[in-house]
Amino acid sequence: MSVSANAEFDRLFEQAAPRLLLFVELRLGRALRARVEADDVVQEAYLAGLAGFGPDAPRSPRAFAAWMARVAENCVRGLADHFAARKRTPAGDCTTLTAILGRVRARDTGPATAVSRVDEGQRLRTILSALPDEQREALLQRYFAELDLETIAVRMGRSPSSVRRLLAKATARLGAELLPDGGSR
Protein backbone atom coordinates (compact mmCIF):
# COMPACT_ATOMS: atom_id res chain seq x y z
CA MET A 1 0.00 0.00 0.00
CA SER A 2 1.30 3.45 -0.81
CA VAL A 3 2.17 6.07 1.77
CA SER A 4 -0.75 8.24 0.63
CA ALA A 5 -3.19 5.32 0.97
CA ASN A 6 -1.87 4.66 4.48
CA ALA A 7 -2.34 8.33 5.35
CA GLU A 8 -5.86 8.31 3.94
CA PHE A 9 -6.73 5.16 5.90
CA ASP A 10 -5.32 6.67 9.11
CA ARG A 11 -7.29 9.90 8.56
CA LEU A 12 -10.54 8.01 8.01
CA PHE A 13 -9.84 5.64 10.88
CA GLU A 14 -9.17 8.51 13.28
CA GLN A 15 -12.61 9.93 12.48
CA ALA A 16 -14.30 6.53 12.83
CA ALA A 17 -12.40 5.30 15.91
CA PRO A 18 -14.71 6.60 18.69
CA ARG A 19 -17.79 5.17 16.98
CA LEU A 20 -15.96 1.92 16.25
CA LEU A 21 -14.84 1.55 19.85
CA LEU A 22 -18.42 2.03 21.05
CA PHE A 23 -19.64 -0.54 18.52
CA VAL A 24 -17.05 -3.09 19.69
CA GLU A 25 -17.72 -2.45 23.40
CA LEU A 26 -21.41 -3.09 22.88
CA ARG A 27 -20.98 -5.94 20.43
CA LEU A 28 -18.63 -8.01 22.58
CA GLY A 29 -21.30 -9.06 25.06
CA ARG A 30 -20.60 -10.05 28.64
CA ALA A 31 -18.77 -13.31 27.99
CA LEU A 32 -16.25 -11.91 25.52
CA ARG A 33 -15.86 -8.65 27.46
CA ALA A 34 -14.61 -10.73 30.38
CA ARG A 35 -11.86 -12.17 28.17
CA VAL A 36 -10.76 -9.34 25.86
CA GLU A 37 -10.54 -5.57 25.88
CA ALA A 38 -12.49 -3.58 23.32
CA ASP A 39 -9.32 -1.62 22.50
CA ASP A 40 -7.62 -4.87 21.48
CA VAL A 41 -10.45 -5.72 19.12
CA VAL A 42 -10.37 -2.23 17.61
CA GLN A 43 -6.65 -2.68 17.05
CA GLU A 44 -7.27 -6.02 15.34
CA ALA A 45 -9.92 -4.33 13.18
CA TYR A 46 -7.45 -1.55 12.36
CA LEU A 47 -4.88 -4.08 11.13
CA ALA A 48 -7.48 -6.06 9.16
CA GLY A 49 -8.95 -2.89 7.67
CA LEU A 50 -5.53 -1.55 6.72
CA ALA A 51 -4.70 -4.84 5.00
CA GLY A 52 -7.99 -4.73 3.07
CA PHE A 53 -7.89 -1.02 2.20
CA GLY A 54 -7.65 -1.27 -1.55
CA PRO A 55 -8.98 0.79 -4.44
CA ASP A 56 -12.54 -0.48 -3.85
CA ALA A 57 -12.61 0.42 -0.15
CA PRO A 58 -14.98 3.24 0.85
CA ARG A 59 -13.50 6.72 1.06
CA SER A 60 -16.31 8.79 2.57
CA PRO A 61 -16.20 9.00 6.40
CA ARG A 62 -19.68 7.53 6.83
CA ALA A 63 -19.18 4.62 4.43
CA PHE A 64 -15.73 3.96 5.89
CA ALA A 65 -17.16 3.83 9.44
CA ALA A 66 -19.82 1.33 8.34
CA TRP A 67 -17.17 -0.74 6.53
CA MET A 68 -14.94 -0.75 9.61
CA ALA A 69 -17.93 -1.83 11.75
CA ARG A 70 -18.27 -4.86 9.49
CA VAL A 71 -14.53 -5.55 9.78
CA ALA A 72 -14.80 -5.30 13.57
CA GLU A 73 -17.85 -7.58 13.50
CA ASN A 74 -15.72 -10.20 11.77
CA CYS A 75 -13.03 -9.78 14.44
CA VAL A 76 -15.61 -10.25 17.20
CA ARG A 77 -17.01 -13.35 15.48
CA GLY A 78 -13.50 -14.71 15.14
CA LEU A 79 -12.93 -14.20 18.86
CA ALA A 80 -16.22 -15.88 19.72
CA ASP A 81 -15.24 -18.84 17.55
CA HIS A 82 -11.76 -18.89 19.08
CA PHE A 83 -13.01 -18.99 22.65
CA ALA A 84 -15.71 -21.52 21.79
CA ALA A 85 -13.04 -23.76 20.27
CA ARG A 86 -10.81 -23.17 23.28
CA LYS A 87 -13.39 -24.80 25.49
CA ARG A 88 -12.84 -27.98 23.47
CA THR A 89 -9.01 -27.91 23.55
CA PRO A 90 -6.74 -29.09 26.33
CA ALA A 91 -5.56 -26.56 28.90
CA GLY A 92 -2.35 -24.80 27.95
CA ASP A 93 -3.19 -24.79 24.22
CA CYS A 94 -4.23 -21.14 24.09
CA THR A 95 -3.47 -18.15 21.94
CA THR A 96 -4.08 -14.50 22.65
CA LEU A 97 -4.82 -11.42 20.60
CA THR A 98 -1.97 -9.52 19.05
CA ALA A 99 -0.47 -7.14 21.61
CA ILE A 100 -1.79 -3.60 21.57
CA LEU A 101 0.23 -1.52 19.09
CA GLY A 102 -1.13 1.79 20.35
CA ARG A 103 -4.26 3.49 21.54
CA VAL A 104 -6.53 5.35 19.18
CA ARG A 105 -5.57 9.02 19.21
CA ALA A 106 -8.12 11.41 20.65
CA ARG A 107 -9.35 14.28 18.51
CA ASP A 108 -7.81 17.66 19.20
CA THR A 109 -10.28 19.50 21.44
CA GLY A 110 -10.28 21.69 24.48
CA PRO A 111 -10.41 20.13 27.94
CA ALA A 112 -14.07 21.00 28.57
CA THR A 113 -15.19 19.52 25.25
CA ALA A 114 -13.12 16.39 25.81
CA VAL A 115 -14.61 15.88 29.29
CA SER A 116 -18.13 16.44 27.96
CA ARG A 117 -17.55 13.95 25.13
CA VAL A 118 -16.27 11.34 27.58
CA ASP A 119 -19.24 11.88 29.92
CA GLU A 120 -21.79 11.62 27.10
CA GLY A 121 -20.07 8.58 25.64
CA GLN A 122 -20.04 6.83 29.01
CA ARG A 123 -23.71 7.64 29.58
CA LEU A 124 -24.60 6.23 26.16
CA ARG A 125 -22.50 3.10 26.81
CA THR A 126 -24.29 2.54 30.11
CA ILE A 127 -27.74 2.92 28.57
CA LEU A 128 -26.94 0.74 25.56
CA SER A 129 -25.36 -1.93 27.74
CA ALA A 130 -28.54 -2.12 29.80
CA LEU A 131 -30.72 -2.82 26.74
CA PRO A 132 -31.84 -6.40 26.19
CA ASP A 133 -29.33 -8.24 23.98
CA GLU A 134 -31.61 -8.45 20.93
CA GLN A 135 -32.49 -4.74 21.03
CA ARG A 136 -28.83 -3.77 21.40
CA GLU A 137 -27.84 -6.11 18.56
CA ALA A 138 -30.50 -4.65 16.25
CA LEU A 139 -29.32 -1.11 17.04
CA LEU A 140 -25.68 -1.99 16.42
CA GLN A 141 -26.45 -3.62 13.09
CA ARG A 142 -28.70 -0.77 11.95
CA TYR A 143 -26.88 2.33 13.14
CA PHE A 144 -23.26 1.24 13.35
CA ALA A 145 -22.94 -1.30 10.55
CA GLU A 146 -25.68 0.57 8.60
CA LEU A 147 -27.37 -2.61 7.44
CA ASP A 148 -30.90 -2.65 6.07
CA LEU A 149 -33.78 -4.32 7.91
CA GLU A 150 -33.83 -7.38 5.65
CA THR A 151 -30.12 -8.10 6.21
CA ILE A 152 -30.47 -7.62 9.95
CA ALA A 153 -33.50 -9.92 9.97
CA VAL A 154 -31.53 -12.66 8.22
CA ARG A 155 -28.56 -12.26 10.58
CA MET A 156 -30.79 -12.35 13.65
CA GLY A 157 -33.10 -15.11 12.38
CA ARG A 158 -36.15 -12.86 12.63
CA SER A 159 -38.63 -11.20 10.29
CA PRO A 160 -38.05 -7.60 9.15
CA SER A 161 -41.16 -6.50 11.08
CA SER A 162 -39.77 -8.13 14.23
CA VAL A 163 -36.49 -6.25 13.76
CA ARG A 164 -38.47 -3.04 13.23
CA ARG A 165 -40.24 -3.61 16.56
CA LEU A 166 -36.92 -4.28 18.32
CA LEU A 167 -35.52 -1.03 16.93
CA ALA A 168 -38.64 0.91 17.93
CA LYS A 169 -38.49 -0.39 21.51
CA ALA A 170 -34.77 0.30 21.76
CA THR A 171 -34.99 3.84 20.38
CA ALA A 172 -37.97 4.63 22.63
CA ARG A 173 -35.97 3.49 25.64
CA LEU A 174 -32.93 5.48 24.51
CA GLY A 175 -35.09 8.57 24.07
CA ALA A 176 -36.58 8.17 27.52
CA GLU A 177 -33.11 7.85 29.06
CA LEU A 178 -31.21 10.46 27.02
CA LEU A 179 -33.64 13.33 26.59
CA PRO A 180 -34.12 15.62 29.56
CA ASP A 181 -37.91 15.69 29.08
CA GLY A 182 -38.19 11.88 29.05
CA GLY A 183 -38.26 11.56 25.26
CA SER A 184 -41.43 13.59 24.63
CA ARG A 185 -40.33 16.22 22.16
C-alpha atoms as a PDB file:
ATOM      1  CA  MET A   1       0.000   0.000   0.000  1.00  0.00           C
ATOM      2  CA  SER A   2       1.302   3.453  -0.813  1.00  0.00           C
ATOM      3  CA  VAL A   3       2.171   6.068   1.771  1.00  0.00           C
ATOM      4  CA  SER A   4      -0.747   8.244   0.632  1.00  0.00           C
ATOM      5  CA  ALA A   5      -3.187   5.320   0.965  1.00  0.00           C
ATOM      6  CA  ASN A   6      -1.867   4.657   4.485  1.00  0.00           C
ATOM      7  CA  ALA A   7      -2.338   8.330   5.349  1.00  0.00           C
ATOM      8  CA  GLU A   8      -5.863   8.310   3.939  1.00  0.00           C
ATOM      9  CA  PHE A   9      -6.728   5.159   5.898  1.00  0.00           C
ATOM     10  CA  ASP A  10      -5.315   6.675   9.108  1.00  0.00           C
ATOM     11  CA  ARG A  11      -7.285   9.897   8.565  1.00  0.00           C
ATOM     12  CA  LEU A  12     -10.540   8.013   8.006  1.00  0.00           C
ATOM     13  CA  PHE A  13      -9.838   5.644  10.883  1.00  0.00           C
ATOM     14  CA  GLU A  14      -9.172   8.513  13.280  1.00  0.00           C
ATOM     15  CA  GLN A  15     -12.607   9.930  12.484  1.00  0.00           C
ATOM     16  CA  ALA A  16     -14.304   6.528  12.832  1.00  0.00           C
ATOM     17  CA  ALA A  17     -12.398   5.299  15.913  1.00  0.00           C
ATOM     18  CA  PRO A  18     -14.708   6.599  18.691  1.00  0.00           C
ATOM     19  CA  ARG A  19     -17.788   5.168  16.982  1.00  0.00           C
ATOM     20  CA  LEU A  20     -15.961   1.918  16.247  1.00  0.00           C
ATOM     21  CA  LEU A  21     -14.842   1.553  19.849  1.00  0.00           C
ATOM     22  CA  LEU A  22     -18.424   2.027  21.054  1.00  0.00           C
ATOM     23  CA  PHE A  23     -19.635  -0.542  18.523  1.00  0.00           C
ATOM     24  CA  VAL A  24     -17.052  -3.085  19.693  1.00  0.00           C
ATOM     25  CA  GLU A  25     -17.721  -2.452  23.396  1.00  0.00           C
ATOM     26  CA  LEU A  26     -21.414  -3.093  22.881  1.00  0.00           C
ATOM     27  CA  ARG A  27     -20.979  -5.941  20.425  1.00  0.00           C
ATOM     28  CA  LEU A  28     -18.634  -8.005  22.584  1.00  0.00           C
ATOM     29  CA  GLY A  29     -21.298  -9.059  25.058  1.00  0.00           C
ATOM     30  CA  ARG A  30     -20.600 -10.047  28.640  1.00  0.00           C
ATOM     31  CA  ALA A  31     -18.767 -13.315  27.991  1.00  0.00           C
ATOM     32  CA  LEU A  32     -16.252 -11.907  25.518  1.00  0.00           C
ATOM     33  CA  ARG A  33     -15.863  -8.649  27.458  1.00  0.00           C
ATOM     34  CA  ALA A  34     -14.612 -10.730  30.381  1.00  0.00           C
ATOM     35  CA  ARG A  35     -11.858 -12.169  28.174  1.00  0.00           C
ATOM     36  CA  VAL A  36     -10.760  -9.338  25.862  1.00  0.00           C
ATOM     37  CA  GLU A  37     -10.539  -5.574  25.883  1.00  0.00           C
ATOM     38  CA  ALA A  38     -12.492  -3.582  23.317  1.00  0.00           C
ATOM     39  CA  ASP A  39      -9.319  -1.617  22.498  1.00  0.00           C
ATOM     40  CA  ASP A  40      -7.617  -4.867  21.479  1.00  0.00           C
ATOM     41  CA  VAL A  41     -10.449  -5.723  19.124  1.00  0.00           C
ATOM     42  CA  VAL A  42     -10.371  -2.233  17.609  1.00  0.00           C
ATOM     43  CA  GLN A  43      -6.648  -2.679  17.048  1.00  0.00           C
ATOM     44  CA  GLU A  44      -7.268  -6.018  15.337  1.00  0.00           C
ATOM     45  CA  ALA A  45      -9.920  -4.331  13.177  1.00  0.00           C
ATOM     46  CA  TYR A  46      -7.447  -1.554  12.356  1.00  0.00           C
ATOM     47  CA  LEU A  47      -4.884  -4.077  11.126  1.00  0.00           C
ATOM     48  CA  ALA A  48      -7.480  -6.063   9.162  1.00  0.00           C
ATOM     49  CA  GLY A  49      -8.950  -2.889   7.673  1.00  0.00           C
ATOM     50  CA  LEU A  50      -5.526  -1.547   6.723  1.00  0.00           C
ATOM     51  CA  ALA A  51      -4.695  -4.841   4.995  1.00  0.00           C
ATOM     52  CA  GLY A  52      -7.990  -4.731   3.066  1.00  0.00           C
ATOM     53  CA  PHE A  53      -7.886  -1.018   2.202  1.00  0.00           C
ATOM     54  CA  GLY A  54      -7.646  -1.275  -1.552  1.00  0.00           C
ATOM     55  CA  PRO A  55      -8.977   0.790  -4.440  1.00  0.00           C
ATOM     56  CA  ASP A  56     -12.535  -0.481  -3.853  1.00  0.00           C
ATOM     57  CA  ALA A  57     -12.613   0.422  -0.146  1.00  0.00           C
ATOM     58  CA  PRO A  58     -14.978   3.236   0.853  1.00  0.00           C
ATOM     59  CA  ARG A  59     -13.495   6.715   1.056  1.00  0.00           C
ATOM     60  CA  SER A  60     -16.308   8.785   2.575  1.00  0.00           C
ATOM     61  CA  PRO A  61     -16.199   8.998   6.401  1.00  0.00           C
ATOM     62  CA  ARG A  62     -19.682   7.532   6.827  1.00  0.00           C
ATOM     63  CA  ALA A  63     -19.183   4.620   4.432  1.00  0.00           C
ATOM     64  CA  PHE A  64     -15.728   3.965   5.892  1.00  0.00           C
ATOM     65  CA  ALA A  65     -17.159   3.829   9.445  1.00  0.00           C
ATOM     66  CA  ALA A  66     -19.816   1.325   8.337  1.00  0.00           C
ATOM     67  CA  TRP A  67     -17.174  -0.740   6.533  1.00  0.00           C
ATOM     68  CA  MET A  68     -14.938  -0.751   9.613  1.00  0.00           C
ATOM     69  CA  ALA A  69     -17.927  -1.826  11.747  1.00  0.00           C
ATOM     70  CA  ARG A  70     -18.272  -4.863   9.489  1.00  0.00           C
ATOM     71  CA  VAL A  71     -14.526  -5.546   9.776  1.00  0.00           C
ATOM     72  CA  ALA A  72     -14.801  -5.296  13.570  1.00  0.00           C
ATOM     73  CA  GLU A  73     -17.853  -7.576  13.496  1.00  0.00           C
ATOM     74  CA  ASN A  74     -15.724 -10.200  11.768  1.00  0.00           C
ATOM     75  CA  CYS A  75     -13.031  -9.779  14.440  1.00  0.00           C
ATOM     76  CA  VAL A  76     -15.611 -10.250  17.197  1.00  0.00           C
ATOM     77  CA  ARG A  77     -17.013 -13.345  15.481  1.00  0.00           C
ATOM     78  CA  GLY A  78     -13.500 -14.714  15.145  1.00  0.00           C
ATOM     79  CA  LEU A  79     -12.933 -14.198  18.858  1.00  0.00           C
ATOM     80  CA  ALA A  80     -16.217 -15.875  19.718  1.00  0.00           C
ATOM     81  CA  ASP A  81     -15.238 -18.841  17.548  1.00  0.00           C
ATOM     82  CA  HIS A  82     -11.760 -18.893  19.079  1.00  0.00           C
ATOM     83  CA  PHE A  83     -13.012 -18.990  22.648  1.00  0.00           C
ATOM     84  CA  ALA A  84     -15.713 -21.516  21.787  1.00  0.00           C
ATOM     85  CA  ALA A  85     -13.038 -23.765  20.269  1.00  0.00           C
ATOM     86  CA  ARG A  86     -10.815 -23.171  23.278  1.00  0.00           C
ATOM     87  CA  LYS A  87     -13.395 -24.805  25.493  1.00  0.00           C
ATOM     88  CA  ARG A  88     -12.845 -27.982  23.469  1.00  0.00           C
ATOM     89  CA  THR A  89      -9.014 -27.913  23.546  1.00  0.00           C
ATOM     90  CA  PRO A  90      -6.739 -29.086  26.327  1.00  0.00           C
ATOM     91  CA  ALA A  91      -5.560 -26.555  28.896  1.00  0.00           C
ATOM     92  CA  GLY A  92      -2.355 -24.800  27.946  1.00  0.00           C
ATOM     93  CA  ASP A  93      -3.193 -24.792  24.219  1.00  0.00           C
ATOM     94  CA  CYS A  94      -4.231 -21.145  24.095  1.00  0.00           C
ATOM     95  CA  THR A  95      -3.472 -18.152  21.940  1.00  0.00           C
ATOM     96  CA  THR A  96      -4.077 -14.501  22.652  1.00  0.00           C
ATOM     97  CA  LEU A  97      -4.819 -11.424  20.600  1.00  0.00           C
ATOM     98  CA  THR A  98      -1.970  -9.522  19.050  1.00  0.00           C
ATOM     99  CA  ALA A  99      -0.469  -7.136  21.610  1.00  0.00           C
ATOM    100  CA  ILE A 100      -1.793  -3.596  21.569  1.00  0.00           C
ATOM    101  CA  LEU A 101       0.228  -1.520  19.094  1.00  0.00           C
ATOM    102  CA  GLY A 102      -1.132   1.793  20.354  1.00  0.00           C
ATOM    103  CA  ARG A 103      -4.257   3.493  21.541  1.00  0.00           C
ATOM    104  CA  VAL A 104      -6.527   5.354  19.179  1.00  0.00           C
ATOM    105  CA  ARG A 105      -5.568   9.018  19.207  1.00  0.00           C
ATOM    106  CA  ALA A 106      -8.122  11.408  20.654  1.00  0.00           C
ATOM    107  CA  ARG A 107      -9.350  14.279  18.507  1.00  0.00           C
ATOM    108  CA  ASP A 108      -7.813  17.659  19.203  1.00  0.00           C
ATOM    109  CA  THR A 109     -10.277  19.495  21.439  1.00  0.00           C
ATOM    110  CA  GLY A 110     -10.280  21.691  24.478  1.00  0.00           C
ATOM    111  CA  PRO A 111     -10.409  20.132  27.938  1.00  0.00           C
ATOM    112  CA  ALA A 112     -14.069  21.002  28.569  1.00  0.00           C
ATOM    113  CA  THR A 113     -15.194  19.516  25.253  1.00  0.00           C
ATOM    114  CA  ALA A 114     -13.124  16.394  25.809  1.00  0.00           C
ATOM    115  CA  VAL A 115     -14.613  15.880  29.289  1.00  0.00           C
ATOM    116  CA  SER A 116     -18.134  16.441  27.964  1.00  0.00           C
ATOM    117  CA  ARG A 117     -17.555  13.949  25.128  1.00  0.00           C
ATOM    118  CA  VAL A 118     -16.273  11.341  27.576  1.00  0.00           C
ATOM    119  CA  ASP A 119     -19.238  11.883  29.924  1.00  0.00           C
ATOM    120  CA  GLU A 120     -21.786  11.621  27.101  1.00  0.00           C
ATOM    121  CA  GLY A 121     -20.068   8.578  25.644  1.00  0.00           C
ATOM    122  CA  GLN A 122     -20.038   6.833  29.013  1.00  0.00           C
ATOM    123  CA  ARG A 123     -23.713   7.636  29.581  1.00  0.00           C
ATOM    124  CA  LEU A 124     -24.601   6.231  26.156  1.00  0.00           C
ATOM    125  CA  ARG A 125     -22.504   3.096  26.805  1.00  0.00           C
ATOM    126  CA  THR A 126     -24.287   2.542  30.115  1.00  0.00           C
ATOM    127  CA  ILE A 127     -27.737   2.922  28.568  1.00  0.00           C
ATOM    128  CA  LEU A 128     -26.943   0.740  25.556  1.00  0.00           C
ATOM    129  CA  SER A 129     -25.356  -1.930  27.737  1.00  0.00           C
ATOM    130  CA  ALA A 130     -28.542  -2.116  29.805  1.00  0.00           C
ATOM    131  CA  LEU A 131     -30.723  -2.819  26.743  1.00  0.00           C
ATOM    132  CA  PRO A 132     -31.841  -6.404  26.186  1.00  0.00           C
ATOM    133  CA  ASP A 133     -29.332  -8.236  23.979  1.00  0.00           C
ATOM    134  CA  GLU A 134     -31.608  -8.454  20.927  1.00  0.00           C
ATOM    135  CA  GLN A 135     -32.494  -4.744  21.031  1.00  0.00           C
ATOM    136  CA  ARG A 136     -28.831  -3.769  21.397  1.00  0.00           C
ATOM    137  CA  GLU A 137     -27.841  -6.114  18.563  1.00  0.00           C
ATOM    138  CA  ALA A 138     -30.500  -4.652  16.250  1.00  0.00           C
ATOM    139  CA  LEU A 139     -29.325  -1.110  17.042  1.00  0.00           C
ATOM    140  CA  LEU A 140     -25.683  -1.989  16.418  1.00  0.00           C
ATOM    141  CA  GLN A 141     -26.445  -3.620  13.093  1.00  0.00           C
ATOM    142  CA  ARG A 142     -28.704  -0.772  11.946  1.00  0.00           C
ATOM    143  CA  TYR A 143     -26.884   2.333  13.139  1.00  0.00           C
ATOM    144  CA  PHE A 144     -23.261   1.239  13.347  1.00  0.00           C
ATOM    145  CA  ALA A 145     -22.935  -1.303  10.551  1.00  0.00           C
ATOM    146  CA  GLU A 146     -25.678   0.573   8.598  1.00  0.00           C
ATOM    147  CA  LEU A 147     -27.366  -2.607   7.439  1.00  0.00           C
ATOM    148  CA  ASP A 148     -30.903  -2.654   6.072  1.00  0.00           C
ATOM    149  CA  LEU A 149     -33.779  -4.320   7.913  1.00  0.00           C
ATOM    150  CA  GLU A 150     -33.830  -7.379   5.652  1.00  0.00           C
ATOM    151  CA  THR A 151     -30.118  -8.096   6.210  1.00  0.00           C
ATOM    152  CA  ILE A 152     -30.468  -7.621   9.952  1.00  0.00           C
ATOM    153  CA  ALA A 153     -33.499  -9.919   9.970  1.00  0.00           C
ATOM    154  CA  VAL A 154     -31.529 -12.664   8.220  1.00  0.00           C
ATOM    155  CA  ARG A 155     -28.561 -12.265  10.582  1.00  0.00           C
ATOM    156  CA  MET A 156     -30.786 -12.347  13.650  1.00  0.00           C
ATOM    157  CA  GLY A 157     -33.098 -15.105  12.379  1.00  0.00           C
ATOM    158  CA  ARG A 158     -36.155 -12.862  12.627  1.00  0.00           C
ATOM    159  CA  SER A 159     -38.628 -11.201  10.292  1.00  0.00           C
ATOM    160  CA  PRO A 160     -38.054  -7.601   9.154  1.00  0.00           C
ATOM    161  CA  SER A 161     -41.160  -6.497  11.082  1.00  0.00           C
ATOM    162  CA  SER A 162     -39.774  -8.128  14.226  1.00  0.00           C
ATOM    163  CA  VAL A 163     -36.495  -6.252  13.763  1.00  0.00           C
ATOM    164  CA  ARG A 164     -38.471  -3.041  13.226  1.00  0.00           C
ATOM    165  CA  ARG A 165     -40.236  -3.615  16.560  1.00  0.00           C
ATOM    166  CA  LEU A 166     -36.924  -4.279  18.320  1.00  0.00           C
ATOM    167  CA  LEU A 167     -35.521  -1.030  16.928  1.00  0.00           C
ATOM    168  CA  ALA A 168     -38.639   0.907  17.931  1.00  0.00           C
ATOM    169  CA  LYS A 169     -38.493  -0.392  21.513  1.00  0.00           C
ATOM    170  CA  ALA A 170     -34.769   0.296  21.756  1.00  0.00           C
ATOM    171  CA  THR A 171     -34.994   3.843  20.378  1.00  0.00           C
ATOM    172  CA  ALA A 172     -37.967   4.628  22.631  1.00  0.00           C
ATOM    173  CA  ARG A 173     -35.966   3.486  25.636  1.00  0.00           C
ATOM    174  CA  LEU A 174     -32.929   5.482  24.506  1.00  0.00           C
ATOM    175  CA  GLY A 175     -35.093   8.573  24.070  1.00  0.00           C
ATOM    176  CA  ALA A 176     -36.579   8.173  27.521  1.00  0.00           C
ATOM    177  CA  GLU A 177     -33.109   7.848  29.058  1.00  0.00           C
ATOM    178  CA  LEU A 178     -31.206  10.455  27.015  1.00  0.00           C
ATOM    179  CA  LEU A 179     -33.637  13.334  26.594  1.00  0.00           C
ATOM    180  CA  PRO A 180     -34.124  15.616  29.564  1.00  0.00           C
ATOM    181  CA  ASP A 181     -37.907  15.692  29.084  1.00  0.00           C
ATOM    182  CA  GLY A 182     -38.190  11.884  29.046  1.00  0.00           C
ATOM    183  CA  GLY A 183     -38.263  11.556  25.256  1.00  0.00           C
ATOM    184  CA  SER A 184     -41.431  13.595  24.625  1.00  0.00           C
ATOM    185  CA  ARG A 185     -40.325  16.217  22.157  1.00  0.00           C
END
